[in-house]
C-alpha atoms as a PDB file:
ATOM      1  CA  MET A   1      16.168 -50.238 -43.484  1.00  0.00           C
ATOM      2  CA  THR A   2      18.840 -48.729 -45.712  1.00  0.00           C
ATOM      3  CA  ALA A   3      21.028 -45.809 -44.762  1.00  0.00           C
ATOM      4  CA  VAL A   4      19.153 -43.617 -47.245  1.00  0.00           C
ATOM      5  CA  SER A   5      15.803 -44.516 -45.658  1.00  0.00           C
ATOM      6  CA  LYS A   6      17.169 -43.829 -42.162  1.00  0.00           C
ATOM      7  CA  GLY A   7      18.483 -40.472 -43.310  1.00  0.00           C
ATOM      8  CA  ALA A   8      15.148 -39.589 -44.903  1.00  0.00           C
ATOM      9  CA  CYS A   9      13.249 -40.508 -41.720  1.00  0.00           C
ATOM     10  CA  LEU A  10      15.605 -38.440 -39.567  1.00  0.00           C
ATOM     11  CA  PHE A  11      15.250 -35.478 -41.913  1.00  0.00           C
ATOM     12  CA  PHE A  12      11.463 -35.786 -41.804  1.00  0.00           C
ATOM     13  CA  VAL A  13      11.390 -35.895 -37.979  1.00  0.00           C
ATOM     14  CA  LEU A  14      13.693 -32.888 -37.636  1.00  0.00           C
ATOM     15  CA  SER A  15      11.766 -30.931 -40.237  1.00  0.00           C
ATOM     16  CA  ALA A  16       8.461 -31.666 -38.505  1.00  0.00           C
ATOM     17  CA  SER A  17       9.933 -30.621 -35.141  1.00  0.00           C
ATOM     18  CA  LEU A  18      11.270 -27.338 -36.508  1.00  0.00           C
ATOM     19  CA  PHE A  19       7.981 -26.651 -38.294  1.00  0.00           C
ATOM     20  CA  ALA A  20       6.076 -27.250 -35.052  1.00  0.00           C
ATOM     21  CA  GLN A  21       8.386 -24.829 -33.240  1.00  0.00           C
ATOM     22  CA  HIS A  22       7.804 -22.202 -35.933  1.00  0.00           C
ATOM     23  CA  LEU A  23       4.035 -22.480 -35.370  1.00  0.00           C
ATOM     24  CA  ASP A  24       4.362 -22.331 -31.566  1.00  0.00           C
ATOM     25  CA  PHE A  25       1.542 -20.291 -30.041  1.00  0.00           C
ATOM     26  CA  GLY A  26       0.303 -19.829 -26.487  1.00  0.00           C
ATOM     27  CA  PHE A  27       0.413 -17.936 -23.187  1.00  0.00           C
ATOM     28  CA  ASP A  28       3.128 -18.214 -20.537  1.00  0.00           C
ATOM     29  CA  PHE A  29       3.157 -16.864 -16.987  1.00  0.00           C
ATOM     30  CA  GLY A  30       5.904 -16.808 -14.420  1.00  0.00           C
ATOM     31  CA  VAL A  31       8.224 -14.634 -12.382  1.00  0.00           C
ATOM     32  CA  LYS A  32      11.447 -12.727 -12.985  1.00  0.00           C
ATOM     33  CA  GLY A  33      13.937 -11.420 -10.487  1.00  0.00           C
ATOM     34  CA  GLY A  34      17.424 -10.033 -10.425  1.00  0.00           C
ATOM     35  CA  VAL A  35      19.691  -7.152  -9.550  1.00  0.00           C
ATOM     36  CA  PRO A  36      20.508  -3.809 -11.176  1.00  0.00           C
ATOM     37  CA  PHE A  37      24.135  -2.908 -11.803  1.00  0.00           C
ATOM     38  CA  THR A  38      23.445   0.832 -11.971  1.00  0.00           C
ATOM     39  CA  ASP A  39      22.020   3.197  -9.354  1.00  0.00           C
ATOM     40  CA  VAL A  40      18.638   4.906  -9.451  1.00  0.00           C
ATOM     41  CA  LEU A  41      20.149   8.075  -7.990  1.00  0.00           C
ATOM     42  CA  THR A  42      23.168  10.075  -9.085  1.00  0.00           C
ATOM     43  CA  ALA A  43      24.748  13.307  -7.842  1.00  0.00           C
ATOM     44  CA  THR A  44      23.356  16.468  -9.448  1.00  0.00           C
ATOM     45  CA  GLY A  45      26.694  18.269  -9.600  1.00  0.00           C
ATOM     46  CA  THR A  46      25.122  21.381  -8.024  1.00  0.00           C
ATOM     47  CA  ILE A  47      27.251  20.657  -4.980  1.00  0.00           C
ATOM     48  CA  ASN A  48      30.832  19.474  -5.441  1.00  0.00           C
ATOM     49  CA  PRO A  49      30.355  15.776  -6.356  1.00  0.00           C
ATOM     50  CA  SER A  50      33.563  14.884  -4.513  1.00  0.00           C
ATOM     51  CA  ASN A  51      31.816  15.925  -1.286  1.00  0.00           C
ATOM     52  CA  THR A  52      28.659  13.913  -1.990  1.00  0.00           C
ATOM     53  CA  PHE A  53      28.599  10.168  -1.270  1.00  0.00           C
ATOM     54  CA  ILE A  54      25.709   7.954  -2.321  1.00  0.00           C
ATOM     55  CA  LYS A  55      25.530   4.545  -0.646  1.00  0.00           C
ATOM     56  CA  ARG A  56      23.071   1.932  -1.823  1.00  0.00           C
ATOM     57  CA  SER A  57      21.750  -0.113   1.083  1.00  0.00           C
ATOM     58  CA  ASP A  58      19.131  -2.159  -0.751  1.00  0.00           C
ATOM     59  CA  ASP A  59      18.364  -2.741  -4.430  1.00  0.00           C
ATOM     60  CA  TYR A  60      16.589  -5.708  -6.021  1.00  0.00           C
ATOM     61  CA  LEU A  61      14.127  -6.555  -8.797  1.00  0.00           C
ATOM     62  CA  ILE A  62      11.243  -9.039  -8.690  1.00  0.00           C
ATOM     63  CA  GLY A  63       7.808  -9.423 -10.215  1.00  0.00           C
ATOM     64  CA  PRO A  64       5.397 -11.367 -12.443  1.00  0.00           C
ATOM     65  CA  VAL A  65       5.790 -11.831 -16.198  1.00  0.00           C
ATOM     66  CA  ALA A  66       3.258 -12.678 -18.912  1.00  0.00           C
ATOM     67  CA  GLU A  67       4.126 -13.650 -22.474  1.00  0.00           C
ATOM     68  CA  LEU A  68       2.160 -14.294 -25.640  1.00  0.00           C
ATOM     69  CA  ARG A  69       4.091 -16.678 -27.899  1.00  0.00           C
ATOM     70  CA  LEU A  70       3.596 -16.096 -31.628  1.00  0.00           C
ATOM     71  CA  PRO A  71       4.626 -18.181 -34.666  1.00  0.00           C
ATOM     72  CA  PHE A  72       8.124 -18.061 -36.141  1.00  0.00           C
ATOM     73  CA  GLY A  73       9.893 -17.247 -32.866  1.00  0.00           C
ATOM     74  CA  PHE A  74       8.162 -13.960 -32.076  1.00  0.00           C
ATOM     75  CA  ALA A  75       6.526 -13.063 -28.753  1.00  0.00           C
ATOM     76  CA  LEU A  76       5.035 -10.176 -26.800  1.00  0.00           C
ATOM     77  CA  GLU A  77       6.020  -9.775 -23.142  1.00  0.00           C
ATOM     78  CA  VAL A  78       4.712  -7.622 -20.302  1.00  0.00           C
ATOM     79  CA  ASP A  79       6.344  -7.566 -16.852  1.00  0.00           C
ATOM     80  CA  GLY A  80       5.467  -6.006 -13.510  1.00  0.00           C
ATOM     81  CA  ILE A  81       8.848  -5.485 -11.848  1.00  0.00           C
ATOM     82  CA  TYR A  82       9.124  -4.099  -8.326  1.00  0.00           C
ATOM     83  CA  ARG A  83      12.435  -2.362  -7.616  1.00  0.00           C
ATOM     84  CA  GLY A  84      13.233  -1.999  -3.929  1.00  0.00           C
ATOM     85  CA  SER A  85      15.823   0.771  -3.684  1.00  0.00           C
ATOM     86  CA  GLN A  86      17.096   2.561  -0.590  1.00  0.00           C
ATOM     87  CA  TYR A  87      19.973   5.030  -0.458  1.00  0.00           C
ATOM     88  CA  GLN A  88      21.961   6.981   2.078  1.00  0.00           C
ATOM     89  CA  VAL A  89      23.293  10.331   0.832  1.00  0.00           C
ATOM     90  CA  THR A  90      26.132  11.892   2.828  1.00  0.00           C
ATOM     91  CA  THR A  91      27.582  15.357   2.199  1.00  0.00           C
ATOM     92  CA  ASN A  92      30.698  16.900   3.709  1.00  0.00           C
ATOM     93  CA  SER A  93      30.772  20.698   3.707  1.00  0.00           C
ATOM     94  CA  ILE A  94      32.860  23.429   5.347  1.00  0.00           C
ATOM     95  CA  PRO A  95      30.865  26.606   6.074  1.00  0.00           C
ATOM     96  CA  SER A  96      32.458  29.898   5.097  1.00  0.00           C
ATOM     97  CA  GLY A  97      34.831  31.150   7.793  1.00  0.00           C
ATOM     98  CA  SER A  98      34.868  27.802   9.623  1.00  0.00           C
ATOM     99  CA  GLN A  99      37.628  25.270   9.966  1.00  0.00           C
ATOM    100  CA  VAL A 100      35.288  22.459  10.972  1.00  0.00           C
ATOM    101  CA  GLY A 101      33.426  20.386   8.399  1.00  0.00           C
ATOM    102  CA  MET A 102      29.773  19.461   8.686  1.00  0.00           C
ATOM    103  CA  VAL A 103      28.435  16.010   7.782  1.00  0.00           C
ATOM    104  CA  ASN A 104      24.818  15.699   6.700  1.00  0.00           C
ATOM    105  CA  THR A 105      23.152  12.338   6.080  1.00  0.00           C
ATOM    106  CA  THR A 106      19.847  11.823   4.258  1.00  0.00           C
ATOM    107  CA  ASN A 107      18.006   8.543   3.726  1.00  0.00           C
ATOM    108  CA  ILE A 108      16.056   8.284   0.478  1.00  0.00           C
ATOM    109  CA  ASN A 109      13.593   5.573  -0.478  1.00  0.00           C
ATOM    110  CA  ALA A 110      13.228   5.143  -4.238  1.00  0.00           C
ATOM    111  CA  GLN A 111      11.007   2.071  -4.541  1.00  0.00           C
ATOM    112  CA  ALA A 112       9.162   1.814  -7.838  1.00  0.00           C
ATOM    113  CA  TRP A 113       7.021  -0.438  -9.999  1.00  0.00           C
ATOM    114  CA  GLU A 114       8.375  -0.809 -13.531  1.00  0.00           C
ATOM    115  CA  ILE A 115       6.187  -2.173 -16.347  1.00  0.00           C
ATOM    116  CA  PRO A 116       8.272  -3.134 -19.408  1.00  0.00           C
ATOM    117  CA  TYR A 117       6.335  -4.010 -22.587  1.00  0.00           C
ATOM    118  CA  LEU A 118       8.527  -5.798 -25.112  1.00  0.00           C
ATOM    119  CA  ALA A 119       8.562  -7.429 -28.527  1.00  0.00           C
ATOM    120  CA  LYS A 120      10.782 -10.531 -28.456  1.00  0.00           C
ATOM    121  CA  PHE A 121      12.398 -12.782 -31.040  1.00  0.00           C
ATOM    122  CA  ARG A 122      13.863 -16.209 -30.279  1.00  0.00           C
ATOM    123  CA  PHE A 123      16.440 -17.574 -32.691  1.00  0.00           C
ATOM    124  CA  PRO A 124      15.520 -21.044 -34.068  1.00  0.00           C
ATOM    125  CA  ILE A 125      18.192 -22.996 -32.195  1.00  0.00           C
ATOM    126  CA  PRO A 126      17.200 -26.218 -30.377  1.00  0.00           C
ATOM    127  CA  LEU A 127      17.250 -26.441 -26.581  1.00  0.00           C
ATOM    128  CA  LEU A 128      19.236 -23.291 -25.640  1.00  0.00           C
ATOM    129  CA  LYS A 129      17.700 -20.364 -27.515  1.00  0.00           C
ATOM    130  CA  PRO A 130      19.257 -16.892 -27.725  1.00  0.00           C
ATOM    131  CA  PHE A 131      16.725 -14.074 -27.830  1.00  0.00           C
ATOM    132  CA  ILE A 132      16.560 -10.314 -28.248  1.00  0.00           C
ATOM    133  CA  SER A 133      13.817  -7.923 -27.237  1.00  0.00           C
ATOM    134  CA  ALA A 134      13.016  -4.222 -27.443  1.00  0.00           C
ATOM    135  CA  GLY A 135      10.219  -1.917 -26.419  1.00  0.00           C
ATOM    136  CA  GLY A 136       9.352   0.551 -23.697  1.00  0.00           C
ATOM    137  CA  ALA A 137       8.740   0.739 -19.963  1.00  0.00           C
ATOM    138  CA  TYR A 138       6.612   2.758 -17.589  1.00  0.00           C
ATOM    139  CA  ARG A 139       7.404   3.254 -13.907  1.00  0.00           C
ATOM    140  CA  SER A 140       5.680   4.716 -10.880  1.00  0.00           C
ATOM    141  CA  PHE A 141       7.499   5.501  -7.635  1.00  0.00           C
ATOM    142  CA  THR A 142       5.848   4.625  -4.333  1.00  0.00           C
ATOM    143  CA  ASN A 143       7.574   7.076  -1.990  1.00  0.00           C
ATOM    144  CA  LEU A 144      10.081   9.248  -3.853  1.00  0.00           C
ATOM    145  CA  PRO A 145      10.745  12.597  -2.112  1.00  0.00           C
ATOM    146  CA  ASN A 146       8.807  15.482  -3.664  1.00  0.00           C
ATOM    147  CA  GLU A 147      11.934  17.465  -4.525  1.00  0.00           C
ATOM    148  CA  ILE A 148      13.172  14.699  -6.867  1.00  0.00           C
ATOM    149  CA  ALA A 149      11.189  14.996 -10.080  1.00  0.00           C
ATOM    150  CA  PRO A 150      10.233  11.515 -11.379  1.00  0.00           C
ATOM    151  CA  THR A 151      10.569  10.265 -14.931  1.00  0.00           C
ATOM    152  CA  HIS A 152       8.066   7.672 -16.045  1.00  0.00           C
ATOM    153  CA  ASN A 153       8.966   6.369 -19.524  1.00  0.00           C
ATOM    154  CA  ALA A 154      11.977   4.553 -20.945  1.00  0.00           C
ATOM    155  CA  PHE A 155      13.266   2.799 -24.047  1.00  0.00           C
ATOM    156  CA  VAL A 156      14.336  -0.816 -23.436  1.00  0.00           C
ATOM    157  CA  LEU A 157      16.803  -3.156 -25.158  1.00  0.00           C
ATOM    158  CA  ALA A 158      17.529  -6.691 -23.935  1.00  0.00           C
ATOM    159  CA  GLY A 159      19.190  -9.947 -24.885  1.00  0.00           C
ATOM    160  CA  GLY A 160      19.670 -13.316 -23.280  1.00  0.00           C
ATOM    161  CA  LEU A 161      19.385 -17.091 -23.365  1.00  0.00           C
ATOM    162  CA  GLU A 162      16.434 -19.374 -22.693  1.00  0.00           C
ATOM    163  CA  LEU A 163      16.443 -23.060 -21.779  1.00  0.00           C
ATOM    164  CA  ARG A 164      13.214 -24.996 -22.296  1.00  0.00           C
ATOM    165  CA  ILE A 165      12.567 -28.147 -20.217  1.00  0.00           C
ATOM    166  CA  SER A 166       9.145 -29.511 -21.095  1.00  0.00           C
ATOM    167  CA  ARG A 167       6.800 -26.601 -20.252  1.00  0.00           C
ATOM    168  CA  LEU A 168       9.322 -24.868 -17.991  1.00  0.00           C
ATOM    169  CA  ARG A 169      11.344 -22.026 -19.502  1.00  0.00           C
ATOM    170  CA  LEU A 170      14.455 -20.831 -17.661  1.00  0.00           C
ATOM    171  CA  SER A 171      16.006 -17.604 -18.856  1.00  0.00           C
ATOM    172  CA  GLY A 172      18.773 -15.173 -18.098  1.00  0.00           C
ATOM    173  CA  GLU A 173      19.013 -11.756 -19.700  1.00  0.00           C
ATOM    174  CA  ALA A 174      20.633  -8.358 -19.534  1.00  0.00           C
ATOM    175  CA  ARG A 175      18.539  -5.231 -20.009  1.00  0.00           C
ATOM    176  CA  TRP A 176      19.368  -1.601 -20.713  1.00  0.00           C
ATOM    177  CA  LEU A 177      16.795   1.117 -20.065  1.00  0.00           C
ATOM    178  CA  ARG A 178      17.085   4.758 -21.067  1.00  0.00           C
ATOM    179  CA  TRP A 179      14.773   6.986 -19.006  1.00  0.00           C
ATOM    180  CA  GLY A 180      13.780  10.501 -19.989  1.00  0.00           C
ATOM    181  CA  SER A 181      15.676  13.471 -18.575  1.00  0.00           C
ATOM    182  CA  ASN A 182      14.210  15.411 -15.692  1.00  0.00           C
ATOM    183  CA  PRO A 183      14.943  18.721 -13.976  1.00  0.00           C
ATOM    184  CA  SER A 184      15.308  18.141 -10.233  1.00  0.00           C
ATOM    185  CA  THR A 185      14.919  20.711  -7.490  1.00  0.00           C
ATOM    186  CA  ASN A 186      16.967  18.533  -5.137  1.00  0.00           C
ATOM    187  CA  THR A 187      20.474  20.021  -4.879  1.00  0.00           C
ATOM    188  CA  LEU A 188      22.092  16.696  -3.973  1.00  0.00           C
ATOM    189  CA  VAL A 189      20.762  13.922  -6.197  1.00  0.00           C
ATOM    190  CA  ARG A 190      18.603  13.257  -9.251  1.00  0.00           C
ATOM    191  CA  LEU A 191      17.332  10.169 -11.050  1.00  0.00           C
ATOM    192  CA  ALA A 192      19.842   8.534 -13.372  1.00  0.00           C
ATOM    193  CA  GLN A 193      18.860   8.204 -17.035  1.00  0.00           C
ATOM    194  CA  ASN A 194      20.688   4.954 -17.799  1.00  0.00           C
ATOM    195  CA  GLN A 195      19.694   1.737 -16.068  1.00  0.00           C
ATOM    196  CA  GLY A 196      21.308  -1.677 -16.484  1.00  0.00           C
ATOM    197  CA  GLU A 197      20.096  -4.887 -14.891  1.00  0.00           C
ATOM    198  CA  VAL A 198      20.360  -8.682 -14.957  1.00  0.00           C
ATOM    199  CA  LEU A 199      17.175 -10.765 -14.696  1.00  0.00           C
ATOM    200  CA  PHE A 200      16.487 -14.475 -14.294  1.00  0.00           C
ATOM    201  CA  GLY A 201      13.106 -15.918 -15.207  1.00  0.00           C
ATOM    202  CA  PHE A 202      10.993 -18.978 -14.434  1.00  0.00           C
ATOM    203  CA  VAL A 203       8.060 -19.207 -16.839  1.00  0.00           C
ATOM    204  CA  PHE A 204       5.464 -21.966 -17.364  1.00  0.00           C
END
């Protein structure tokens, strides 16, 4: 076989492989988990923020993921992410006319289910594929105190890398969520609008 024939065969095989990837279609299911690098709660500023301390004792993300793969690198993704968040809020105050400070500690549970719904695009690069995604998210808190008004909807942007090994897809991504603003009757803390997180996925 001549060099020209070998080159033509190689070109044909690569072209067929790329064409097959462009026409990729199917359903994938798996799980994603990770950690946020921002807090759910932030100080309201009603009380001097320097006297309010918010300590995160537990915060993690985990849940199922479903994806519909479409031709030409596009996909639709829906996740059900549980966020387990617990906080301890400590305030130091000095009552008027007193020389002795008072320390008050409040424990707040802010667990929630978040449901991101995303449109995704994978770049046509073999093996390790960069991807971007955007969409929205809905969340519902399980036991948020009544005086903290919840916000339920967010805009989502994400980007990451995906490694495909046979039917297994391993991914790592960073997400940014922008939740709606909310008036809170709690004088200490409110829900933060910006949320950043890192997720790792195992999808089949």
